[in-house]
């Protein structure tokens, strides 16, 4: 049976990444010069796979990264792969929030969403819908291998929910411009939603 390869790749650096700020779907930041330079250097190594399609989060930092890493492709936008909604924590650092009781409760797992933000369960559900849409598109268009440019937190949550080997979300971290390659076996995926991680890019 035919299998499908999907490479989940984290976008490049932004100023907010360097500052340690919570930047989700509410702030559409571009890559910073260091992020652009780093991605171009990674691209020159020739380590990125040859793919038949590129998908991307709708946010600018992901689309810019896609253009650098996979020039010549017009990325298909996956709305469900936008970053997490941090609500009232958006744009702030952990040190700025350390005295906020809601932040303490959120980071300790006592509440499931930041104030005005997104529940983790809802985040995972929409990520799963996005992946399903990609798999369906690849099957319908006979695309055997594809790249997805998305967000670090989204990669972590998606793989923790549906990938083997089983790991906690914090164990699926990736550096900018890096990520994980997954194998989708249609029979397994359609019966259980499970994908297999087979490499780190």
N, C-alpha and C. Protein backbone atom coordinates (compact mmCIF):
# COMPACT_ATOMS: atom_id res chain seq x y z
N UNK A 1 0.85 -1.20 0.00
CA UNK A 1 0.00 0.00 0.00
C UNK A 1 0.88 1.25 0.00
N UNK A 2 0.46 2.25 -0.75
CA UNK A 2 1.23 3.47 -0.86
C UNK A 2 1.22 4.23 0.46
N UNK A 3 2.36 4.79 0.82
CA UNK A 3 2.46 5.64 1.99
C UNK A 3 2.81 7.07 1.56
N UNK A 4 2.62 8.01 2.47
CA UNK A 4 2.84 9.42 2.16
C UNK A 4 3.80 10.00 3.20
N UNK A 5 4.75 10.79 2.71
CA UNK A 5 5.73 11.43 3.58
C UNK A 5 5.40 12.92 3.72
N UNK A 6 5.36 13.38 4.96
CA UNK A 6 5.09 14.79 5.24
C UNK A 6 6.17 15.31 6.19
N UNK A 7 6.78 16.43 5.83
CA UNK A 7 7.85 17.03 6.63
C UNK A 7 7.29 18.27 7.33
N UNK A 8 7.18 18.20 8.65
CA UNK A 8 6.66 19.31 9.45
C UNK A 8 7.84 20.17 9.88
N UNK A 9 7.91 21.40 9.38
CA UNK A 9 9.09 22.24 9.56
C UNK A 9 8.71 23.54 10.26
N UNK A 10 9.45 23.86 11.30
CA UNK A 10 9.21 25.10 12.05
C UNK A 10 9.72 26.31 11.26
N UNK A 11 8.98 27.39 11.31
CA UNK A 11 9.40 28.63 10.62
C UNK A 11 10.66 29.20 11.25
N UNK A 12 11.25 30.17 10.57
CA UNK A 12 12.48 30.80 11.04
C UNK A 12 12.24 31.78 12.18
N UNK A 13 13.35 32.33 12.67
CA UNK A 13 13.33 33.20 13.84
C UNK A 13 12.62 34.53 13.58
N UNK A 14 11.94 35.01 14.62
CA UNK A 14 11.39 36.37 14.65
C UNK A 14 12.01 37.08 15.85
N UNK A 15 11.84 38.38 15.92
CA UNK A 15 12.34 39.12 17.09
C UNK A 15 11.70 38.60 18.37
N UNK A 16 10.42 38.26 18.30
CA UNK A 16 9.72 37.77 19.49
C UNK A 16 10.29 36.45 19.98
N UNK A 17 10.74 35.59 19.07
CA UNK A 17 11.39 34.35 19.48
C UNK A 17 12.63 34.65 20.33
N UNK A 18 13.43 35.60 19.88
CA UNK A 18 14.65 35.95 20.59
C UNK A 18 14.35 36.58 21.94
N UNK A 19 13.22 37.28 22.02
CA UNK A 19 12.83 37.94 23.26
C UNK A 19 12.05 37.02 24.20
N UNK A 20 11.73 35.82 23.75
CA UNK A 20 11.00 34.89 24.59
C UNK A 20 9.55 35.27 24.83
N UNK A 21 8.94 35.91 23.84
CA UNK A 21 7.55 36.34 24.00
C UNK A 21 6.57 35.30 23.47
N UNK A 22 5.41 35.24 24.09
CA UNK A 22 4.34 34.39 23.60
C UNK A 22 3.70 35.08 22.40
N UNK A 23 3.97 34.57 21.22
CA UNK A 23 3.41 35.13 20.00
C UNK A 23 2.62 34.05 19.29
N UNK A 24 1.33 34.23 19.22
CA UNK A 24 0.47 33.23 18.61
C UNK A 24 -0.18 33.72 17.34
N UNK A 25 -1.46 33.42 17.21
CA UNK A 25 -2.17 33.74 15.97
C UNK A 25 -2.61 35.21 15.89
N UNK A 26 -2.48 35.94 16.99
CA UNK A 26 -2.95 37.33 17.01
C UNK A 26 -1.93 38.32 16.48
N UNK A 27 -0.66 37.91 16.37
CA UNK A 27 0.41 38.80 15.96
C UNK A 27 1.10 38.22 14.73
N UNK A 28 1.05 38.95 13.62
CA UNK A 28 1.58 38.42 12.36
C UNK A 28 2.96 39.01 12.08
N UNK A 29 3.95 38.52 12.82
CA UNK A 29 5.31 39.04 12.70
C UNK A 29 6.05 38.47 11.49
N UNK A 30 6.94 39.25 10.91
CA UNK A 30 7.82 38.72 9.86
C UNK A 30 9.04 38.05 10.48
N UNK A 31 9.79 37.34 9.67
CA UNK A 31 11.10 36.86 10.10
C UNK A 31 12.01 38.05 10.34
N UNK A 32 12.95 37.91 11.26
CA UNK A 32 13.94 38.97 11.41
C UNK A 32 15.15 38.65 10.53
N UNK A 33 16.08 39.60 10.36
CA UNK A 33 17.23 39.35 9.48
C UNK A 33 18.02 38.10 9.85
N UNK A 34 18.17 37.85 11.13
CA UNK A 34 18.89 36.65 11.57
C UNK A 34 18.15 35.39 11.13
N UNK A 35 16.82 35.44 11.23
CA UNK A 35 16.02 34.29 10.82
C UNK A 35 16.14 34.01 9.34
N UNK A 36 16.12 35.07 8.54
CA UNK A 36 16.27 34.92 7.09
C UNK A 36 17.64 34.33 6.75
N UNK A 37 18.68 34.89 7.38
CA UNK A 37 20.04 34.42 7.13
C UNK A 37 20.20 32.96 7.51
N UNK A 38 19.63 32.59 8.65
CA UNK A 38 19.75 31.21 9.12
C UNK A 38 19.06 30.23 8.18
N UNK A 39 17.87 30.58 7.70
CA UNK A 39 17.16 29.70 6.78
C UNK A 39 17.89 29.56 5.46
N UNK A 40 18.44 30.65 4.96
CA UNK A 40 19.19 30.58 3.71
C UNK A 40 20.42 29.69 3.86
N UNK A 41 21.07 29.76 5.03
CA UNK A 41 22.23 28.90 5.27
C UNK A 41 21.81 27.43 5.33
N UNK A 42 20.68 27.16 5.97
CA UNK A 42 20.18 25.79 6.03
C UNK A 42 19.83 25.27 4.63
N UNK A 43 19.23 26.14 3.85
CA UNK A 43 18.84 25.75 2.48
C UNK A 43 20.06 25.38 1.66
N UNK A 44 21.16 26.11 1.85
CA UNK A 44 22.38 25.87 1.08
C UNK A 44 23.02 24.52 1.40
N UNK A 45 22.69 23.95 2.55
CA UNK A 45 23.26 22.65 2.90
C UNK A 45 22.67 21.54 2.04
N UNK A 46 21.51 21.80 1.44
CA UNK A 46 20.88 20.82 0.58
C UNK A 46 20.22 19.67 1.30
N UNK A 47 19.91 19.85 2.59
CA UNK A 47 19.34 18.77 3.39
C UNK A 47 17.81 18.66 3.26
N UNK A 48 17.18 19.62 2.63
CA UNK A 48 15.72 19.58 2.54
C UNK A 48 15.28 18.64 1.43
N UNK A 49 14.21 17.92 1.67
CA UNK A 49 13.77 16.90 0.70
C UNK A 49 13.15 17.50 -0.54
N UNK A 50 13.15 16.73 -1.60
CA UNK A 50 12.42 17.09 -2.80
C UNK A 50 10.95 16.73 -2.57
N UNK A 51 10.08 17.67 -2.74
CA UNK A 51 8.66 17.44 -2.45
C UNK A 51 7.79 17.78 -3.65
N UNK A 52 6.57 17.29 -3.60
CA UNK A 52 5.62 17.57 -4.67
C UNK A 52 4.66 18.68 -4.35
N UNK A 53 4.63 19.12 -3.08
CA UNK A 53 3.74 20.20 -2.67
C UNK A 53 4.25 20.81 -1.37
N UNK A 54 3.90 22.07 -1.16
CA UNK A 54 4.26 22.77 0.08
C UNK A 54 2.98 23.36 0.67
N UNK A 55 2.80 23.13 1.95
CA UNK A 55 1.66 23.69 2.68
C UNK A 55 2.21 24.63 3.76
N UNK A 56 1.39 25.60 4.17
CA UNK A 56 1.89 26.58 5.13
C UNK A 56 0.77 27.09 6.03
N UNK A 57 1.17 27.44 7.24
CA UNK A 57 0.31 28.25 8.11
C UNK A 57 0.02 29.56 7.38
N UNK A 58 -1.10 30.21 7.68
CA UNK A 58 -1.40 31.48 7.02
C UNK A 58 -0.58 32.65 7.51
N UNK A 59 0.18 32.49 8.58
CA UNK A 59 0.92 33.61 9.15
C UNK A 59 2.18 33.92 8.35
N UNK A 60 2.55 35.20 8.33
CA UNK A 60 3.63 35.70 7.48
C UNK A 60 4.95 34.98 7.73
N UNK A 61 5.28 34.74 8.98
CA UNK A 61 6.57 34.11 9.29
C UNK A 61 6.69 32.71 8.69
N UNK A 62 5.56 32.03 8.58
CA UNK A 62 5.59 30.70 7.96
C UNK A 62 5.67 30.81 6.44
N UNK A 63 4.91 31.72 5.86
CA UNK A 63 4.93 31.89 4.41
C UNK A 63 6.29 32.38 3.92
N UNK A 64 6.92 33.28 4.67
CA UNK A 64 8.27 33.73 4.30
C UNK A 64 9.26 32.57 4.36
N UNK A 65 9.14 31.75 5.38
CA UNK A 65 10.03 30.60 5.51
C UNK A 65 9.84 29.62 4.36
N UNK A 66 8.60 29.40 3.97
CA UNK A 66 8.32 28.50 2.85
C UNK A 66 8.97 29.01 1.57
N UNK A 67 8.91 30.32 1.36
CA UNK A 67 9.49 30.90 0.14
C UNK A 67 11.00 30.73 0.09
N UNK A 68 11.64 30.77 1.26
CA UNK A 68 13.10 30.61 1.31
C UNK A 68 13.49 29.14 1.15
N UNK A 69 12.80 28.26 1.85
CA UNK A 69 13.20 26.85 1.87
C UNK A 69 12.74 26.08 0.64
N UNK A 70 11.61 26.50 0.07
CA UNK A 70 11.06 25.79 -1.09
C UNK A 70 10.66 26.78 -2.18
N UNK A 71 11.65 27.49 -2.75
CA UNK A 71 11.35 28.46 -3.80
C UNK A 71 10.73 27.76 -5.01
N UNK A 72 9.86 28.47 -5.67
CA UNK A 72 9.22 27.89 -6.85
C UNK A 72 7.87 27.27 -6.54
N UNK A 73 7.57 27.09 -5.27
CA UNK A 73 6.26 26.56 -4.88
C UNK A 73 5.35 27.70 -4.41
N UNK A 74 4.09 27.59 -4.72
CA UNK A 74 3.07 28.46 -4.15
C UNK A 74 2.43 27.65 -3.02
N UNK A 75 2.74 27.99 -1.76
CA UNK A 75 2.23 27.17 -0.66
C UNK A 75 0.70 27.15 -0.60
N UNK A 76 0.17 25.99 -0.31
CA UNK A 76 -1.26 25.87 -0.04
C UNK A 76 -1.47 26.21 1.43
N UNK A 77 -2.33 27.19 1.69
CA UNK A 77 -2.51 27.69 3.05
C UNK A 77 -3.45 26.76 3.84
N UNK A 78 -2.99 26.37 5.01
CA UNK A 78 -3.78 25.54 5.90
C UNK A 78 -4.17 26.38 7.11
N UNK A 79 -5.39 26.89 7.10
CA UNK A 79 -5.83 27.80 8.15
C UNK A 79 -5.75 27.16 9.54
N UNK A 80 -6.00 25.85 9.60
CA UNK A 80 -6.00 25.17 10.90
C UNK A 80 -4.61 25.08 11.52
N UNK A 81 -3.57 25.36 10.72
CA UNK A 81 -2.21 25.26 11.23
C UNK A 81 -1.66 26.60 11.71
N UNK A 82 -2.52 27.60 11.88
CA UNK A 82 -2.05 28.83 12.48
C UNK A 82 -1.66 28.56 13.93
N UNK A 83 -0.88 29.46 14.51
CA UNK A 83 -0.36 29.24 15.85
C UNK A 83 -1.47 29.32 16.90
N UNK A 84 -1.16 28.87 18.09
CA UNK A 84 -2.05 28.88 19.26
C UNK A 84 -2.49 30.31 19.58
N UNK A 85 -3.69 30.44 20.13
CA UNK A 85 -4.19 31.73 20.59
C UNK A 85 -3.87 31.88 22.07
N UNK A 86 -2.91 32.72 22.39
CA UNK A 86 -2.47 32.91 23.76
C UNK A 86 -3.35 33.90 24.54
N UNK A 87 -4.36 34.44 23.91
CA UNK A 87 -5.28 35.33 24.61
C UNK A 87 -4.57 36.51 25.24
N UNK A 88 -4.83 36.73 26.53
CA UNK A 88 -4.26 37.88 27.24
C UNK A 88 -2.75 37.77 27.47
N UNK A 89 -2.18 36.60 27.22
CA UNK A 89 -0.74 36.43 27.39
C UNK A 89 0.04 36.80 26.13
N UNK A 90 -0.65 37.08 25.05
CA UNK A 90 -0.01 37.41 23.77
C UNK A 90 0.96 38.57 23.91
N UNK A 91 2.15 38.37 23.39
CA UNK A 91 3.15 39.43 23.37
C UNK A 91 3.94 39.61 24.65
N UNK A 92 3.65 38.80 25.65
CA UNK A 92 4.32 38.94 26.94
C UNK A 92 5.33 37.81 27.15
N UNK A 93 6.28 38.05 28.05
CA UNK A 93 7.27 37.03 28.39
C UNK A 93 6.86 36.33 29.68
N UNK A 94 7.50 35.20 29.95
CA UNK A 94 7.21 34.48 31.19
C UNK A 94 7.53 35.33 32.41
N UNK A 95 8.61 36.09 32.35
CA UNK A 95 8.98 36.93 33.49
C UNK A 95 7.96 38.04 33.72
N UNK A 96 7.37 38.55 32.66
CA UNK A 96 6.34 39.58 32.80
C UNK A 96 5.05 39.02 33.37
N UNK A 97 4.86 37.72 33.22
CA UNK A 97 3.62 37.09 33.65
C UNK A 97 3.74 36.31 34.96
N UNK A 98 4.93 36.22 35.52
CA UNK A 98 5.16 35.30 36.63
C UNK A 98 4.30 35.59 37.86
N UNK A 99 3.83 36.81 38.02
CA UNK A 99 2.98 37.15 39.17
C UNK A 99 1.49 37.11 38.83
N UNK A 100 1.18 36.81 37.59
CA UNK A 100 -0.21 36.71 37.15
C UNK A 100 -0.76 35.34 37.58
N UNK A 101 -1.78 35.33 38.42
CA UNK A 101 -2.30 34.08 38.95
C UNK A 101 -2.89 33.19 37.86
N UNK A 102 -3.48 33.80 36.84
CA UNK A 102 -4.00 33.00 35.74
C UNK A 102 -2.87 32.31 34.97
N UNK A 103 -1.76 33.00 34.85
CA UNK A 103 -0.60 32.40 34.17
C UNK A 103 -0.06 31.23 34.98
N UNK A 104 0.03 31.40 36.28
CA UNK A 104 0.51 30.33 37.16
C UNK A 104 -0.42 29.12 37.04
N UNK A 105 -1.72 29.37 37.04
CA UNK A 105 -2.69 28.27 36.92
C UNK A 105 -2.58 27.59 35.55
N UNK A 106 -2.37 28.37 34.50
CA UNK A 106 -2.28 27.82 33.14
C UNK A 106 -1.03 26.96 32.98
N UNK A 107 0.10 27.48 33.43
CA UNK A 107 1.35 26.73 33.26
C UNK A 107 1.41 25.50 34.16
N UNK A 108 0.63 25.49 35.22
CA UNK A 108 0.60 24.32 36.11
C UNK A 108 -0.52 23.35 35.74
N UNK A 109 -1.29 23.67 34.69
CA UNK A 109 -2.33 22.77 34.21
C UNK A 109 -3.64 22.86 34.96
N UNK A 110 -3.79 23.88 35.79
CA UNK A 110 -5.03 24.01 36.57
C UNK A 110 -6.17 24.65 35.78
N UNK A 111 -5.83 25.39 34.74
CA UNK A 111 -6.82 25.88 33.78
C UNK A 111 -6.35 25.50 32.39
N UNK A 112 -7.29 25.29 31.47
CA UNK A 112 -6.92 24.74 30.16
C UNK A 112 -6.76 25.78 29.07
N UNK A 113 -6.84 27.06 29.43
CA UNK A 113 -6.66 28.12 28.42
C UNK A 113 -6.28 29.41 29.10
N UNK A 114 -5.48 30.26 28.44
CA UNK A 114 -5.25 31.61 28.95
C UNK A 114 -6.55 32.40 28.90
N UNK A 115 -6.70 33.44 29.70
CA UNK A 115 -7.90 34.28 29.59
C UNK A 115 -8.08 34.78 28.16
N UNK A 116 -9.26 34.58 27.61
CA UNK A 116 -9.61 34.97 26.23
C UNK A 116 -8.82 34.17 25.19
N UNK A 117 -8.15 33.12 25.62
CA UNK A 117 -7.35 32.33 24.70
C UNK A 117 -8.01 31.01 24.32
N UNK A 118 -7.20 30.11 23.81
CA UNK A 118 -7.68 28.87 23.21
C UNK A 118 -7.45 27.69 24.14
N UNK A 119 -8.44 26.83 24.25
CA UNK A 119 -8.26 25.59 25.00
C UNK A 119 -7.28 24.68 24.25
N UNK A 120 -6.43 24.01 24.98
CA UNK A 120 -5.47 23.11 24.36
C UNK A 120 -6.17 22.01 23.57
N UNK A 121 -7.29 21.53 24.10
CA UNK A 121 -8.02 20.48 23.40
C UNK A 121 -8.56 20.97 22.06
N UNK A 122 -9.00 22.24 22.03
CA UNK A 122 -9.49 22.81 20.77
C UNK A 122 -8.34 23.00 19.78
N UNK A 123 -7.19 23.39 20.30
CA UNK A 123 -6.00 23.56 19.47
C UNK A 123 -5.63 22.24 18.80
N UNK A 124 -5.60 21.17 19.58
CA UNK A 124 -5.25 19.86 19.03
C UNK A 124 -6.27 19.42 18.00
N UNK A 125 -7.53 19.65 18.26
CA UNK A 125 -8.58 19.24 17.32
C UNK A 125 -8.42 19.93 15.97
N UNK A 126 -8.13 21.23 15.99
CA UNK A 126 -8.00 21.92 14.69
C UNK A 126 -6.72 21.53 13.97
N UNK A 127 -5.65 21.25 14.74
CA UNK A 127 -4.43 20.76 14.10
C UNK A 127 -4.68 19.42 13.42
N UNK A 128 -5.44 18.55 14.09
CA UNK A 128 -5.77 17.25 13.50
C UNK A 128 -6.60 17.43 12.23
N UNK A 129 -7.50 18.39 12.24
CA UNK A 129 -8.30 18.67 11.04
C UNK A 129 -7.41 19.16 9.90
N UNK A 130 -6.43 20.01 10.24
CA UNK A 130 -5.50 20.49 9.22
C UNK A 130 -4.69 19.37 8.61
N UNK A 131 -4.19 18.48 9.46
CA UNK A 131 -3.42 17.34 8.95
C UNK A 131 -4.29 16.46 8.06
N UNK A 132 -5.51 16.23 8.48
CA UNK A 132 -6.42 15.41 7.69
C UNK A 132 -6.67 16.02 6.31
N UNK A 133 -6.79 17.34 6.27
CA UNK A 133 -6.98 18.01 5.00
C UNK A 133 -5.77 17.86 4.08
N UNK A 134 -4.57 17.91 4.66
CA UNK A 134 -3.36 17.72 3.87
C UNK A 134 -3.28 16.30 3.32
N UNK A 135 -3.53 15.32 4.18
CA UNK A 135 -3.49 13.93 3.73
C UNK A 135 -4.50 13.69 2.62
N UNK A 136 -5.68 14.22 2.79
CA UNK A 136 -6.73 14.06 1.77
C UNK A 136 -6.30 14.70 0.45
N UNK A 137 -5.71 15.89 0.52
CA UNK A 137 -5.25 16.58 -0.69
C UNK A 137 -4.13 15.80 -1.38
N UNK A 138 -3.22 15.27 -0.60
CA UNK A 138 -2.12 14.48 -1.17
C UNK A 138 -2.63 13.22 -1.85
N UNK A 139 -3.60 12.57 -1.23
CA UNK A 139 -4.15 11.35 -1.82
C UNK A 139 -4.92 11.65 -3.11
N UNK A 140 -5.69 12.71 -3.08
CA UNK A 140 -6.50 13.06 -4.25
C UNK A 140 -5.64 13.50 -5.43
N UNK A 141 -4.50 14.11 -5.14
CA UNK A 141 -3.64 14.64 -6.21
C UNK A 141 -2.37 13.82 -6.43
N UNK A 142 -2.33 12.64 -5.82
CA UNK A 142 -1.21 11.72 -5.98
C UNK A 142 0.12 12.39 -5.66
N UNK A 143 0.18 13.06 -4.51
CA UNK A 143 1.39 13.72 -4.03
C UNK A 143 2.02 12.81 -2.98
N UNK A 144 3.17 12.26 -3.28
CA UNK A 144 3.77 11.29 -2.38
C UNK A 144 4.55 11.90 -1.22
N UNK A 145 5.02 13.14 -1.42
CA UNK A 145 5.87 13.76 -0.40
C UNK A 145 5.61 15.26 -0.38
N UNK A 146 5.48 15.83 0.82
CA UNK A 146 5.15 17.25 0.94
C UNK A 146 5.82 17.85 2.16
N UNK A 147 5.98 19.17 2.14
CA UNK A 147 6.50 19.91 3.28
C UNK A 147 5.41 20.81 3.85
N UNK A 148 5.42 20.96 5.16
CA UNK A 148 4.47 21.86 5.83
C UNK A 148 5.28 22.82 6.69
N UNK A 149 5.13 24.12 6.45
CA UNK A 149 5.82 25.12 7.25
C UNK A 149 4.82 25.64 8.28
N UNK A 150 5.16 25.45 9.54
CA UNK A 150 4.21 25.78 10.60
C UNK A 150 4.96 26.29 11.84
N UNK A 151 4.35 26.15 12.99
CA UNK A 151 4.87 26.75 14.21
C UNK A 151 5.36 25.68 15.18
N UNK A 152 6.38 26.04 15.96
CA UNK A 152 6.97 25.07 16.86
C UNK A 152 5.98 24.45 17.83
N UNK A 153 5.15 25.29 18.43
CA UNK A 153 4.16 24.78 19.37
C UNK A 153 3.13 23.89 18.70
N UNK A 154 2.78 24.23 17.48
CA UNK A 154 1.81 23.42 16.75
C UNK A 154 2.38 22.04 16.41
N UNK A 155 3.65 22.01 16.03
CA UNK A 155 4.30 20.72 15.76
C UNK A 155 4.31 19.87 17.02
N UNK A 156 4.67 20.47 18.13
CA UNK A 156 4.75 19.74 19.39
C UNK A 156 3.40 19.14 19.77
N UNK A 157 2.35 19.93 19.70
CA UNK A 157 1.03 19.47 20.12
C UNK A 157 0.47 18.42 19.16
N UNK A 158 0.70 18.63 17.88
CA UNK A 158 0.19 17.68 16.88
C UNK A 158 0.85 16.31 17.04
N UNK A 159 2.16 16.29 17.18
CA UNK A 159 2.85 15.02 17.29
C UNK A 159 2.56 14.32 18.62
N UNK A 160 2.42 15.09 19.68
CA UNK A 160 2.07 14.48 20.97
C UNK A 160 0.71 13.80 20.90
N UNK A 161 -0.17 14.34 20.05
CA UNK A 161 -1.53 13.81 19.96
C UNK A 161 -1.64 12.59 19.05
N UNK A 162 -0.84 12.55 17.97
CA UNK A 162 -1.13 11.52 16.97
C UNK A 162 0.07 10.73 16.47
N UNK A 163 1.27 10.97 17.01
CA UNK A 163 2.45 10.32 16.45
C UNK A 163 2.96 9.18 17.32
N UNK A 164 3.58 8.23 16.66
CA UNK A 164 4.42 7.23 17.33
C UNK A 164 5.84 7.42 16.82
N UNK A 165 6.83 7.29 17.69
CA UNK A 165 6.71 6.85 19.07
C UNK A 165 5.99 7.88 19.95
N UNK A 166 5.33 7.41 20.99
CA UNK A 166 4.60 8.28 21.89
C UNK A 166 5.56 9.10 22.75
N UNK A 167 5.36 10.41 22.73
CA UNK A 167 6.16 11.30 23.56
C UNK A 167 5.29 12.46 24.03
N UNK A 168 5.73 13.10 25.10
CA UNK A 168 5.06 14.32 25.56
C UNK A 168 5.36 15.45 24.59
N UNK A 169 4.51 16.46 24.61
CA UNK A 169 4.69 17.57 23.67
C UNK A 169 6.06 18.22 23.81
N UNK A 170 6.56 18.37 25.04
CA UNK A 170 7.84 19.04 25.25
C UNK A 170 9.01 18.25 24.67
N UNK A 171 8.77 16.99 24.35
CA UNK A 171 9.82 16.16 23.76
C UNK A 171 9.85 16.26 22.24
N UNK A 172 8.92 17.02 21.67
CA UNK A 172 8.86 17.20 20.21
C UNK A 172 9.29 18.62 19.82
N UNK A 173 10.23 19.19 20.55
CA UNK A 173 10.71 20.52 20.20
C UNK A 173 11.55 20.46 18.92
N UNK A 174 11.64 21.59 18.23
CA UNK A 174 12.45 21.67 17.01
C UNK A 174 13.04 23.07 16.89
N UNK A 175 14.20 23.15 16.31
CA UNK A 175 14.85 24.43 16.07
C UNK A 175 14.24 25.10 14.85
N UNK A 176 14.40 26.43 14.73
CA UNK A 176 13.89 27.12 13.53
C UNK A 176 14.45 26.51 12.25
N UNK A 177 13.58 26.28 11.29
CA UNK A 177 14.00 25.69 10.03
C UNK A 177 14.19 24.19 10.07
N UNK A 178 13.90 23.60 11.22
CA UNK A 178 14.02 22.16 11.40
C UNK A 178 12.66 21.57 11.75
N UNK A 179 12.60 20.26 11.80
CA UNK A 179 11.33 19.64 12.14
C UNK A 179 11.39 18.13 12.03
N UNK A 180 10.22 17.53 11.86
CA UNK A 180 10.10 16.08 11.87
C UNK A 180 9.45 15.57 10.60
N UNK A 181 9.94 14.44 10.14
CA UNK A 181 9.35 13.77 8.98
C UNK A 181 8.43 12.67 9.47
N UNK A 182 7.21 12.66 8.94
CA UNK A 182 6.25 11.65 9.35
C UNK A 182 5.82 10.81 8.15
N UNK A 183 5.49 9.57 8.45
CA UNK A 183 5.01 8.64 7.44
C UNK A 183 3.53 8.38 7.71
N UNK A 184 2.72 8.57 6.69
CA UNK A 184 1.28 8.33 6.79
C UNK A 184 0.94 7.07 6.01
N UNK A 185 0.53 6.05 6.72
CA UNK A 185 0.03 4.82 6.10
C UNK A 185 -1.48 4.90 6.11
N UNK A 186 -2.13 5.01 4.94
CA UNK A 186 -3.58 5.28 4.91
C UNK A 186 -4.43 4.37 5.78
N UNK A 187 -4.18 3.08 5.76
CA UNK A 187 -5.02 2.17 6.55
C UNK A 187 -4.91 2.45 8.04
N UNK A 188 -3.69 2.67 8.52
CA UNK A 188 -3.47 2.99 9.94
C UNK A 188 -4.02 4.36 10.29
N UNK A 189 -3.76 5.32 9.42
CA UNK A 189 -4.20 6.69 9.69
C UNK A 189 -5.73 6.79 9.73
N UNK A 190 -6.40 6.17 8.79
CA UNK A 190 -7.85 6.27 8.74
C UNK A 190 -8.53 5.50 9.86
N UNK A 191 -7.88 4.48 10.36
CA UNK A 191 -8.49 3.69 11.43
C UNK A 191 -8.20 4.26 12.82
N UNK A 192 -7.05 4.93 12.96
CA UNK A 192 -6.66 5.38 14.30
C UNK A 192 -6.16 6.82 14.39
N UNK A 193 -5.91 7.45 13.24
CA UNK A 193 -5.35 8.80 13.25
C UNK A 193 -3.87 8.85 13.58
N UNK A 194 -3.20 7.69 13.57
CA UNK A 194 -1.80 7.60 13.97
C UNK A 194 -0.87 7.79 12.77
N UNK A 195 0.21 8.57 12.99
CA UNK A 195 1.28 8.72 12.01
C UNK A 195 2.59 8.31 12.66
N UNK A 196 3.59 8.01 11.85
CA UNK A 196 4.88 7.54 12.37
C UNK A 196 5.96 8.58 12.09
N UNK A 197 6.65 9.00 13.12
CA UNK A 197 7.80 9.89 12.95
C UNK A 197 9.02 9.04 12.65
N UNK A 198 9.70 9.34 11.53
CA UNK A 198 10.83 8.51 11.15
C UNK A 198 12.14 9.28 11.02
N UNK A 199 12.10 10.61 11.13
CA UNK A 199 13.36 11.36 11.00
C UNK A 199 13.21 12.76 11.57
N UNK A 200 14.36 13.34 11.94
CA UNK A 200 14.42 14.75 12.34
C UNK A 200 15.21 15.49 11.27
N UNK A 201 14.61 16.51 10.70
CA UNK A 201 15.28 17.25 9.64
C UNK A 201 16.36 18.17 10.19
